[in-house]
Amino acid sequence: MAAGEIYVSDLVGCTVTDAGREIGQVRDVQLQVAGKRRCWWYRVKRDLVPFASAYLESVDVERKRLSMKLPEGMLELDAR
């Protein structure tokens, strides 16, 4: 693996933060994040987060941390 590259499977289990706030944990390679927020229709809210360089601040595979800078309101898109 070249410098700066990671395996997508290494992301599973990483804690995801947005602007320093913990928003959940990566559940699969589509970056479905099981958050700490709850929805009326599901016990634990799941957010789909794009793994794109525009939103990525840092990845620390050893510490299982993924820091994002998501656009304002992205996590509320599917909220009622």
PDB file of N, CA and C in Angstrom:
ATOM      1  N   MET A   1       0.854  -1.176   0.000  1.00  0.00           N
ATOM      2  CA  MET A   1       0.000   0.000   0.000  1.00  0.00           C
ATOM      3  C   MET A   1       0.895   1.232   0.000  1.00  0.00           C
ATOM      4  N   ALA A   2       0.595   2.196  -0.843  1.00  0.00           N
ATOM      5  CA  ALA A   2       1.372   3.427  -0.942  1.00  0.00           C
ATOM      6  C   ALA A   2       1.029   4.383   0.196  1.00  0.00           C
ATOM      7  N   ALA A   3       1.942   5.292   0.467  1.00  0.00           N
ATOM      8  CA  ALA A   3       1.710   6.300   1.506  1.00  0.00           C
ATOM      9  C   ALA A   3       0.452   7.090   1.189  1.00  0.00           C
ATOM     10  N   GLY A   4      -0.363   7.341   2.197  1.00  0.00           N
ATOM     11  CA  GLY A   4      -1.591   8.092   2.015  1.00  0.00           C
ATOM     12  C   GLY A   4      -2.778   7.253   1.578  1.00  0.00           C
ATOM     13  N   GLU A   5      -2.557   5.960   1.350  1.00  0.00           N
ATOM     14  CA  GLU A   5      -3.646   5.071   0.962  1.00  0.00           C
ATOM     15  C   GLU A   5      -4.078   4.238   2.155  1.00  0.00           C
ATOM     16  N   ILE A   6      -5.359   3.903   2.184  1.00  0.00           N
ATOM     17  CA  ILE A   6      -5.885   3.027   3.230  1.00  0.00           C
ATOM     18  C   ILE A   6      -6.815   2.018   2.579  1.00  0.00           C
ATOM     19  N   TYR A   7      -6.998   0.892   3.255  1.00  0.00           N
ATOM     20  CA  TYR A   7      -7.986  -0.077   2.815  1.00  0.00           C
ATOM     21  C   TYR A   7      -9.342   0.369   3.342  1.00  0.00           C
ATOM     22  N   VAL A   8     -10.341   0.274   2.496  1.00  0.00           N
ATOM     23  CA  VAL A   8     -11.686   0.658   2.909  1.00  0.00           C
ATOM     24  C   VAL A   8     -12.109  -0.150   4.128  1.00  0.00           C
ATOM     25  N   SER A   9     -11.728  -1.420   4.170  1.00  0.00           N
ATOM     26  CA  SER A   9     -12.101  -2.270   5.306  1.00  0.00           C
ATOM     27  C   SER A   9     -11.495  -1.782   6.619  1.00  0.00           C
ATOM     28  N   ASP A  10     -10.405  -1.017   6.564  1.00  0.00           N
ATOM     29  CA  ASP A  10      -9.806  -0.462   7.789  1.00  0.00           C
ATOM     30  C   ASP A  10     -10.687   0.600   8.428  1.00  0.00           C
ATOM     31  N   LEU A  11     -11.630   1.137   7.669  1.00  0.00           N
ATOM     32  CA  LEU A  11     -12.503   2.178   8.201  1.00  0.00           C
ATOM     33  C   LEU A  11     -13.592   1.618   9.114  1.00  0.00           C
ATOM     34  N   VAL A  12     -13.962   0.343   8.904  1.00  0.00           N
ATOM     35  CA  VAL A  12     -15.013  -0.277   9.716  1.00  0.00           C
ATOM     36  C   VAL A  12     -14.569  -0.289  11.180  1.00  0.00           C
ATOM     37  N   GLY A  13     -15.435   0.233  12.032  1.00  0.00           N
ATOM     38  CA  GLY A  13     -15.132   0.302  13.463  1.00  0.00           C
ATOM     39  C   GLY A  13     -14.551   1.632  13.895  1.00  0.00           C
ATOM     40  N   CYS A  14     -14.194   2.490  12.936  1.00  0.00           N
ATOM     41  CA  CYS A  14     -13.646   3.800  13.292  1.00  0.00           C
ATOM     42  C   CYS A  14     -14.734   4.692  13.887  1.00  0.00           C
ATOM     43  N   THR A  15     -14.365   5.447  14.886  1.00  0.00           N
ATOM     44  CA  THR A  15     -15.247   6.465  15.447  1.00  0.00           C
ATOM     45  C   THR A  15     -15.192   7.673  14.522  1.00  0.00           C
ATOM     46  N   VAL A  16     -16.358   8.211  14.196  1.00  0.00           N
ATOM     47  CA  VAL A  16     -16.451   9.348  13.276  1.00  0.00           C
ATOM     48  C   VAL A  16     -16.801  10.600  14.058  1.00  0.00           C
ATOM     49  N   THR A  17     -16.043  11.659  13.795  1.00  0.00           N
ATOM     50  CA  THR A  17     -16.335  12.945  14.401  1.00  0.00           C
ATOM     51  C   THR A  17     -16.587  13.974  13.294  1.00  0.00           C
ATOM     52  N   ASP A  18     -17.385  14.955  13.618  1.00  0.00           N
ATOM     53  CA  ASP A  18     -17.652  16.067  12.718  1.00  0.00           C
ATOM     54  C   ASP A  18     -17.422  17.347  13.506  1.00  0.00           C
ATOM     55  N   ALA A  19     -16.436  18.111  13.095  1.00  0.00           N
ATOM     56  CA  ALA A  19     -16.086  19.354  13.796  1.00  0.00           C
ATOM     57  C   ALA A  19     -15.836  19.105  15.286  1.00  0.00           C
ATOM     58  N   GLY A  20     -15.190  17.974  15.598  1.00  0.00           N
ATOM     59  CA  GLY A  20     -14.853  17.630  16.972  1.00  0.00           C
ATOM     60  C   GLY A  20     -15.953  16.945  17.754  1.00  0.00           C
ATOM     61  N   ARG A  21     -17.147  16.823  17.186  1.00  0.00           N
ATOM     62  CA  ARG A  21     -18.294  16.203  17.865  1.00  0.00           C
ATOM     63  C   ARG A  21     -18.439  14.767  17.367  1.00  0.00           C
ATOM     64  N   GLU A  22     -18.467  13.807  18.290  1.00  0.00           N
ATOM     65  CA  GLU A  22     -18.621  12.409  17.908  1.00  0.00           C
ATOM     66  C   GLU A  22     -20.025  12.173  17.361  1.00  0.00           C
ATOM     67  N   ILE A  23     -20.088  11.614  16.137  1.00  0.00           N
ATOM     68  CA  ILE A  23     -21.400  11.374  15.533  1.00  0.00           C
ATOM     69  C   ILE A  23     -21.709   9.898  15.375  1.00  0.00           C
ATOM     70  N   GLY A  24     -20.754   9.015  15.619  1.00  0.00           N
ATOM     71  CA  GLY A  24     -21.044   7.592  15.531  1.00  0.00           C
ATOM     72  C   GLY A  24     -19.837   6.764  15.156  1.00  0.00           C
ATOM     73  N   GLN A  25     -20.124   5.597  14.577  1.00  0.00           N
ATOM     74  CA  GLN A  25     -19.085   4.636  14.249  1.00  0.00           C
ATOM     75  C   GLN A  25     -19.365   4.048  12.861  1.00  0.00           C
ATOM     76  N   VAL A  26     -18.308   3.845  12.082  1.00  0.00           N
ATOM     77  CA  VAL A  26     -18.454   3.258  10.752  1.00  0.00           C
ATOM     78  C   VAL A  26     -18.895   1.806  10.900  1.00  0.00           C
ATOM     79  N   ARG A  27     -20.008   1.446  10.242  1.00  0.00           N
ATOM     80  CA  ARG A  27     -20.568   0.101  10.313  1.00  0.00           C
ATOM     81  C   ARG A  27     -20.229  -0.756   9.103  1.00  0.00           C
ATOM     82  N   ASP A  28     -20.090  -0.123   7.931  1.00  0.00           N
ATOM     83  CA  ASP A  28     -19.691  -0.881   6.747  1.00  0.00           C
ATOM     84  C   ASP A  28     -18.974   0.048   5.784  1.00  0.00           C
ATOM     85  N   VAL A  29     -18.540  -0.481   4.665  1.00  0.00           N
ATOM     86  CA  VAL A  29     -17.691   0.285   3.758  1.00  0.00           C
ATOM     87  C   VAL A  29     -18.434   1.379   3.010  1.00  0.00           C
ATOM     88  N   GLN A  30     -19.727   1.448   3.135  1.00  0.00           N
ATOM     89  CA  GLN A  30     -20.484   2.553   2.563  1.00  0.00           C
ATOM     90  C   GLN A  30     -20.504   3.739   3.515  1.00  0.00           C
ATOM     91  N   LEU A  31     -19.796   3.632   4.612  1.00  0.00           N
ATOM     92  CA  LEU A  31     -19.756   4.643   5.668  1.00  0.00           C
ATOM     93  C   LEU A  31     -21.137   4.927   6.225  1.00  0.00           C
ATOM     94  N   GLN A  32     -21.854   3.861   6.522  1.00  0.00           N
ATOM     95  CA  GLN A  32     -23.122   4.011   7.224  1.00  0.00           C
ATOM     96  C   GLN A  32     -22.753   4.169   8.689  1.00  0.00           C
ATOM     97  N   VAL A  33     -22.997   5.325   9.233  1.00  0.00           N
ATOM     98  CA  VAL A  33     -22.576   5.648  10.590  1.00  0.00           C
ATOM     99  C   VAL A  33     -23.745   5.449  11.540  1.00  0.00           C
ATOM    100  N   ALA A  34     -23.569   4.541  12.504  1.00  0.00           N
ATOM    101  CA  ALA A  34     -24.591   4.345  13.528  1.00  0.00           C
ATOM    102  C   ALA A  34     -24.357   5.414  14.586  1.00  0.00           C
ATOM    103  N   GLY A  35     -25.216   6.393  14.609  1.00  0.00           N
ATOM    104  CA  GLY A  35     -25.021   7.542  15.473  1.00  0.00           C
ATOM    105  C   GLY A  35     -25.554   7.345  16.876  1.00  0.00           C
ATOM    106  N   LYS A  36     -25.340   8.362  17.668  1.00  0.00           N
ATOM    107  CA  LYS A  36     -25.814   8.346  19.045  1.00  0.00           C
ATOM    108  C   LYS A  36     -27.180   8.999  19.150  1.00  0.00           C
ATOM    109  N   ARG A  37     -27.657   9.585  18.049  1.00  0.00           N
ATOM    110  CA  ARG A  37     -28.972  10.224  18.051  1.00  0.00           C
ATOM    111  C   ARG A  37     -30.039   9.177  17.781  1.00  0.00           C
ATOM    112  N   ARG A  38     -31.248   9.450  18.190  1.00  0.00           N
ATOM    113  CA  ARG A  38     -32.356   8.515  17.984  1.00  0.00           C
ATOM    114  C   ARG A  38     -33.408   9.141  17.085  1.00  0.00           C
ATOM    115  N   CYS A  39     -34.071   8.307  16.311  1.00  0.00           N
ATOM    116  CA  CYS A  39     -35.169   8.740  15.441  1.00  0.00           C
ATOM    117  C   CYS A  39     -36.459   8.144  15.963  1.00  0.00           C
ATOM    118  N   TRP A  40     -37.559   8.716  15.563  1.00  0.00           N
ATOM    119  CA  TRP A  40     -38.861   8.188  15.990  1.00  0.00           C
ATOM    120  C   TRP A  40     -39.123   6.826  15.379  1.00  0.00           C
ATOM    121  N   TRP A  41     -38.564   6.521  14.192  1.00  0.00           N
ATOM    122  CA  TRP A  41     -38.871   5.257  13.530  1.00  0.00           C
ATOM    123  C   TRP A  41     -37.818   4.184  13.744  1.00  0.00           C
ATOM    124  N   TYR A  42     -36.677   4.535  14.334  1.00  0.00           N
ATOM    125  CA  TYR A  42     -35.623   3.543  14.520  1.00  0.00           C
ATOM    126  C   TYR A  42     -34.886   3.867  15.795  1.00  0.00           C
ATOM    127  N   ARG A  43     -34.520   2.851  16.522  1.00  0.00           N
ATOM    128  CA  ARG A  43     -33.901   3.049  17.819  1.00  0.00           C
ATOM    129  C   ARG A  43     -32.617   3.884  17.744  1.00  0.00           C
ATOM    130  N   VAL A  44     -31.759   3.591  16.793  1.00  0.00           N
ATOM    131  CA  VAL A  44     -30.516   4.344  16.625  1.00  0.00           C
ATOM    132  C   VAL A  44     -30.489   4.902  15.215  1.00  0.00           C
ATOM    133  N   LYS A  45     -30.269   6.188  15.093  1.00  0.00           N
ATOM    134  CA  LYS A  45     -30.220   6.822  13.781  1.00  0.00           C
ATOM    135  C   LYS A  45     -28.977   6.391  13.022  1.00  0.00           C
ATOM    136  N   ARG A  46     -29.133   6.125  11.725  1.00  0.00           N
ATOM    137  CA  ARG A  46     -28.021   5.790  10.868  1.00  0.00           C
ATOM    138  C   ARG A  46     -27.899   6.863   9.790  1.00  0.00           C
ATOM    139  N   ASP A  47     -26.710   7.421   9.670  1.00  0.00           N
ATOM    140  CA  ASP A  47     -26.454   8.461   8.682  1.00  0.00           C
ATOM    141  C   ASP A  47     -25.516   7.912   7.619  1.00  0.00           C
ATOM    142  N   LEU A  48     -25.802   8.199   6.363  1.00  0.00           N
ATOM    143  CA  LEU A  48     -24.887   7.874   5.279  1.00  0.00           C
ATOM    144  C   LEU A  48     -23.993   9.085   5.068  1.00  0.00           C
ATOM    145  N   VAL A  49     -22.706   8.875   5.247  1.00  0.00           N
ATOM    146  CA  VAL A  49     -21.742   9.964   5.170  1.00  0.00           C
ATOM    147  C   VAL A  49     -20.815   9.717   3.984  1.00  0.00           C
ATOM    148  N   PRO A  50     -20.681  10.682   3.085  1.00  0.00           N
ATOM    149  CA  PRO A  50     -19.801  10.484   1.933  1.00  0.00           C
ATOM    150  C   PRO A  50     -18.330  10.507   2.350  1.00  0.00           C
ATOM    151  N   PHE A  51     -17.587   9.525   1.889  1.00  0.00           N
ATOM    152  CA  PHE A  51     -16.148   9.495   2.142  1.00  0.00           C
ATOM    153  C   PHE A  51     -15.483  10.206   0.970  1.00  0.00           C
ATOM    154  N   ALA A  52     -15.456  11.523   1.044  1.00  0.00           N
ATOM    155  CA  ALA A  52     -14.922  12.349  -0.031  1.00  0.00           C
ATOM    156  C   ALA A  52     -13.896  13.311   0.549  1.00  0.00           C
ATOM    157  N   SER A  53     -12.855  13.586  -0.216  1.00  0.00           N
ATOM    158  CA  SER A  53     -11.786  14.451   0.276  1.00  0.00           C
ATOM    159  C   SER A  53     -12.294  15.833   0.680  1.00  0.00           C
ATOM    160  N   ALA A  54     -13.368  16.288   0.064  1.00  0.00           N
ATOM    161  CA  ALA A  54     -13.937  17.594   0.410  1.00  0.00           C
ATOM    162  C   ALA A  54     -14.435  17.635   1.852  1.00  0.00           C
ATOM    163  N   TYR A  55     -14.801  16.482   2.425  1.00  0.00           N
ATOM    164  CA  TYR A  55     -15.352  16.423   3.785  1.00  0.00           C
ATOM    165  C   TYR A  55     -14.401  15.779   4.783  1.00  0.00           C
ATOM    166  N   LEU A  56     -13.280  15.293   4.330  1.00  0.00           N
ATOM    167  CA  LEU A  56     -12.366  14.524   5.178  1.00  0.00           C
ATOM    168  C   LEU A  56     -11.279  15.419   5.759  1.00  0.00           C
ATOM    169  N   GLU A  57     -11.155  15.404   7.072  1.00  0.00           N
ATOM    170  CA  GLU A  57     -10.079  16.146   7.721  1.00  0.00           C
ATOM    171  C   GLU A  57      -8.886  15.236   7.978  1.00  0.00           C
ATOM    172  N   SER A  58      -9.148  14.049   8.577  1.00  0.00           N
ATOM    173  CA  SER A  58      -8.051  13.127   8.854  1.00  0.00           C
ATOM    174  C   SER A  58      -8.577  11.717   9.086  1.00  0.00           C
ATOM    175  N   VAL A  59      -7.686  10.754   8.848  1.00  0.00           N
ATOM    176  CA  VAL A  59      -7.974   9.342   9.115  1.00  0.00           C
ATOM    177  C   VAL A  59      -6.819   8.805   9.937  1.00  0.00           C
ATOM    178  N   ASP A  60      -7.124   8.213  11.079  1.00  0.00           N
ATOM    179  CA  ASP A  60      -6.122   7.582  11.922  1.00  0.00           C
ATOM    180  C   ASP A  60      -6.557   6.138  12.119  1.00  0.00           C
ATOM    181  N   VAL A  61      -6.075   5.256  11.236  1.00  0.00           N
ATOM    182  CA  VAL A  61      -6.488   3.856  11.261  1.00  0.00           C
ATOM    183  C   VAL A  61      -6.030   3.174  12.545  1.00  0.00           C
ATOM    184  N   GLU A  62      -4.834   3.498  13.022  1.00  0.00           N
ATOM    185  CA  GLU A  62      -4.321   2.879  14.252  1.00  0.00           C
ATOM    186  C   GLU A  62      -5.199   3.201  15.456  1.00  0.00           C
ATOM    187  N   ARG A  63      -5.675   4.419  15.548  1.00  0.00           N
ATOM    188  CA  ARG A  63      -6.524   4.837  16.672  1.00  0.00           C
ATOM    189  C   ARG A  63      -8.007   4.678  16.362  1.00  0.00           C
ATOM    190  N   LYS A  64      -8.324   4.228  15.123  1.00  0.00           N
ATOM    191  CA  LYS A  64      -9.714   4.017  14.685  1.00  0.00           C
ATOM    192  C   LYS A  64     -10.523   5.306  14.805  1.00  0.00           C
ATOM    193  N   ARG A  65      -9.976   6.383  14.234  1.00  0.00           N
ATOM    194  CA  ARG A  65     -10.619   7.698  14.258  1.00  0.00           C
ATOM    195  C   ARG A  65     -10.721   8.246  12.843  1.00  0.00           C
ATOM    196  N   LEU A  66     -11.865   8.806  12.527  1.00  0.00           N
ATOM    197  CA  LEU A  66     -12.125   9.419  11.229  1.00  0.00           C
ATOM    198  C   LEU A  66     -12.729  10.790  11.498  1.00  0.00           C
ATOM    199  N   SER A  67     -12.001  11.839  11.155  1.00  0.00           N
ATOM    200  CA  SER A  67     -12.474  13.206  11.406  1.00  0.00           C
ATOM    201  C   SER A  67     -13.002  13.796  10.115  1.00  0.00           C
ATOM    202  N   MET A  68     -14.241  14.262  10.167  1.00  0.00           N
ATOM    203  CA  MET A  68     -14.907  14.827   9.006  1.00  0.00           C
ATOM    204  C   MET A  68     -15.245  16.290   9.268  1.00  0.00           C
ATOM    205  N   LYS A  69     -15.475  17.030   8.182  1.00  0.00           N
ATOM    206  CA  LYS A  69     -15.993  18.386   8.255  1.00  0.00           C
ATOM    207  C   LYS A  69     -17.151  18.431   7.269  1.00  0.00           C
ATOM    208  N   LEU A  70     -18.320  18.022   7.751  1.00  0.00           N
ATOM    209  CA  LEU A  70     -19.502  17.888   6.907  1.00  0.00           C
ATOM    210  C   LEU A  70     -20.202  19.235   6.728  1.00  0.00           C
ATOM    211  N   PRO A  71     -20.856  19.412   5.579  1.00  0.00           N
ATOM    212  CA  PRO A  71     -21.616  20.651   5.374  1.00  0.00           C
ATOM    213  C   PRO A  71     -22.719  20.788   6.421  1.00  0.00           C
ATOM    214  N   GLU A  72     -22.985  22.004   6.820  1.00  0.00           N
ATOM    215  CA  GLU A  72     -24.027  22.256   7.807  1.00  0.00           C
ATOM    216  C   GLU A  72     -25.350  21.685   7.320  1.00  0.00           C
ATOM    217  N   GLY A  73     -26.030  20.947   8.189  1.00  0.00           N
ATOM    218  CA  GLY A  73     -27.335  20.379   7.878  1.00  0.00           C
ATOM    219  C   GLY A  73     -27.313  19.016   7.223  1.00  0.00           C
ATOM    220  N   MET A  74     -26.144  18.488   6.850  1.00  0.00           N
ATOM    221  CA  MET A  74     -26.087  17.197   6.158  1.00  0.00           C
ATOM    222  C   MET A  74     -26.695  16.076   6.989  1.00  0.00           C
ATOM    223  N   LEU A  75     -26.429  16.042   8.279  1.00  0.00           N
ATOM    224  CA  LEU A  75     -26.932  14.960   9.124  1.00  0.00           C
ATOM    225  C   LEU A  75     -28.427  15.093   9.409  1.00  0.00           C
ATOM    226  N   GLU A  76     -28.997  16.235   9.110  1.00  0.00           N
ATOM    227  CA  GLU A  76     -30.429  16.450   9.345  1.00  0.00           C
ATOM    228  C   GLU A  76     -31.258  16.285   8.078  1.00  0.00           C
ATOM    229  N   LEU A  77     -30.651  15.915   6.970  1.00  0.00           N
ATOM    230  CA  LEU A  77     -31.367  15.812   5.698  1.00  0.00           C
ATOM    231  C   LEU A  77     -32.568  14.875   5.744  1.00  0.00           C
ATOM    232  N   ASP A  78     -32.446  13.750   6.446  1.00  0.00           N
ATOM    233  CA  ASP A  78     -33.552  12.802   6.478  1.00  0.00           C
ATOM    234  C   ASP A  78     -34.352  12.868   7.771  1.00  0.00           C
ATOM    235  N   ALA A  79     -34.107  13.892   8.581  1.00  0.00           N
ATOM    236  CA  ALA A  79     -34.846  14.055   9.842  1.00  0.00           C
ATOM    237  C   ALA A  79     -36.254  14.559   9.553  1.00  0.00           C
ATOM    238  N   ARG A  80     -37.188  14.195  10.407  1.00  0.00           N
ATOM    239  CA  ARG A  80     -38.563  14.672  10.259  1.00  0.00           C
ATOM    240  C   ARG A  80     -38.789  15.856  11.135  1.00  0.00           C
TER     241      ARG A  80
END
